Protein backbone atom coordinates (compact mmCIF):
# COMPACT_ATOMS: atom_id res chain seq x y z
CA MET A 1 13.85 16.99 -25.33
CA ASN A 2 16.80 18.29 -23.34
CA LEU A 3 15.83 19.31 -19.83
CA GLY A 4 19.42 19.80 -18.68
CA LEU A 5 19.26 16.87 -16.27
CA GLU A 6 22.39 15.03 -17.37
CA GLY A 7 24.17 13.91 -14.21
CA LYS A 8 21.51 15.33 -11.87
CA ILE A 9 19.96 13.19 -9.12
CA VAL A 10 16.18 12.85 -9.20
CA LEU A 11 13.95 11.37 -6.51
CA VAL A 12 10.47 10.28 -7.61
CA THR A 13 7.97 9.49 -4.88
CA GLY A 14 5.22 7.15 -5.98
CA GLY A 15 7.75 5.78 -8.47
CA GLY A 16 6.63 2.18 -8.15
CA LYS A 17 3.96 2.40 -10.83
CA GLY A 18 1.81 4.66 -12.97
CA ILE A 19 2.71 8.30 -13.48
CA GLY A 20 5.62 8.11 -11.02
CA LEU A 21 7.24 5.23 -12.91
CA ALA A 22 6.68 7.04 -16.22
CA CYS A 23 8.37 10.13 -14.75
CA ALA A 24 11.32 8.03 -13.59
CA GLN A 25 11.66 6.53 -17.07
CA ALA A 26 11.53 9.93 -18.77
CA LEU A 27 13.99 11.53 -16.36
CA ALA A 28 16.42 8.63 -16.68
CA GLY A 29 16.14 9.08 -20.43
CA GLU A 30 17.34 12.66 -19.90
CA GLY A 31 20.50 11.30 -18.24
CA ALA A 32 19.51 11.80 -14.61
CA GLY A 33 20.37 9.39 -11.82
CA VAL A 34 17.07 8.09 -10.49
CA ALA A 35 15.75 7.00 -7.11
CA ILE A 36 12.16 5.84 -6.72
CA ALA A 37 10.16 5.57 -3.52
CA SER A 38 6.94 3.75 -2.66
CA ARG A 39 5.27 2.12 0.32
CA SER A 40 5.03 -1.09 -1.70
CA ALA A 41 8.22 -3.14 -1.92
CA GLU A 42 6.43 -5.31 -4.49
CA ASN A 43 5.73 -2.32 -6.76
CA LEU A 44 9.31 -1.14 -6.35
CA GLU A 45 10.65 -4.53 -7.37
CA ARG A 46 8.52 -4.56 -10.52
CA ALA A 47 9.45 -0.97 -11.35
CA SER A 48 13.14 -1.69 -10.82
CA GLU A 49 12.89 -4.63 -13.23
CA VAL A 50 11.20 -2.43 -15.85
CA LEU A 51 13.84 0.26 -15.49
CA SER A 52 16.70 -2.25 -15.50
CA ARG A 53 15.44 -3.76 -18.76
CA GLN A 54 15.66 -0.26 -20.20
CA GLY A 55 19.27 0.05 -19.06
CA VAL A 56 18.49 2.34 -16.12
CA GLU A 57 20.26 1.90 -12.81
CA VAL A 58 17.80 2.83 -10.13
CA LEU A 59 17.77 3.07 -6.36
CA ALA A 60 14.44 1.84 -4.96
CA VAL A 61 13.48 2.80 -1.41
CA ALA A 62 10.46 1.40 0.42
CA VAL A 63 9.10 4.17 2.63
CA ASP A 64 5.89 5.43 4.16
CA LEU A 65 6.07 9.16 3.52
CA ARG A 66 3.26 9.80 5.97
CA VAL A 67 5.91 9.23 8.67
CA ALA A 68 8.33 12.17 8.87
CA GLU A 69 11.20 10.09 10.24
CA GLU A 70 10.93 7.65 7.33
CA ALA A 71 10.96 10.52 4.84
CA SER A 72 14.14 11.89 6.42
CA LYS A 73 15.79 8.47 6.35
CA MET A 74 14.81 8.04 2.69
CA ALA A 75 16.37 11.36 1.70
CA ALA A 76 19.53 10.54 3.65
CA GLU A 77 19.80 7.12 1.98
CA VAL A 78 19.39 8.60 -1.51
CA GLU A 79 22.02 11.24 -0.81
CA LYS A 80 24.40 8.70 0.69
CA ARG A 81 24.10 6.30 -2.25
CA LEU A 82 23.60 8.66 -5.21
CA GLY A 83 24.58 12.14 -4.06
CA GLN A 84 22.69 15.35 -3.41
CA ILE A 85 19.09 15.32 -4.63
CA ASP A 86 18.67 17.94 -7.34
CA VAL A 87 15.05 17.32 -8.33
CA LEU A 88 12.10 16.00 -6.35
CA VAL A 89 9.01 14.71 -8.17
CA ASN A 90 6.10 14.09 -5.80
CA SER A 91 3.85 11.60 -7.53
CA ASP A 92 2.52 9.58 -4.63
CA GLY A 93 -1.26 9.29 -4.65
CA GLY A 94 -1.83 8.93 -0.96
CA ALA A 95 -5.54 9.59 -1.37
CA THR A 96 -7.72 7.79 1.10
CA PRO A 97 -11.06 6.75 -0.38
CA THR A 98 -14.01 7.95 1.62
CA VAL A 99 -17.76 7.69 1.34
CA VAL A 100 -19.61 10.98 1.38
């Protein structure tokens, strides 16, 4: 598939595992530069290893997106290190389990 992402910068929130990681893999396969974000540094480390084994250079940013200031810092870091963000994929679960 050619999504026209060659050379574009993509930021995937929730990119440390699951659907977010799969999105990062697919978008990198389209030729995009990829940054992944997660609250879990441990998940980011594992995801970075997976992506690196596939030949993908990735920027991993540990961030709590529930905090506006952290979200702003994350975006600034991605833009500083990779360039302007062209595509944002929001894949963070963020659901809080509750008992009804």
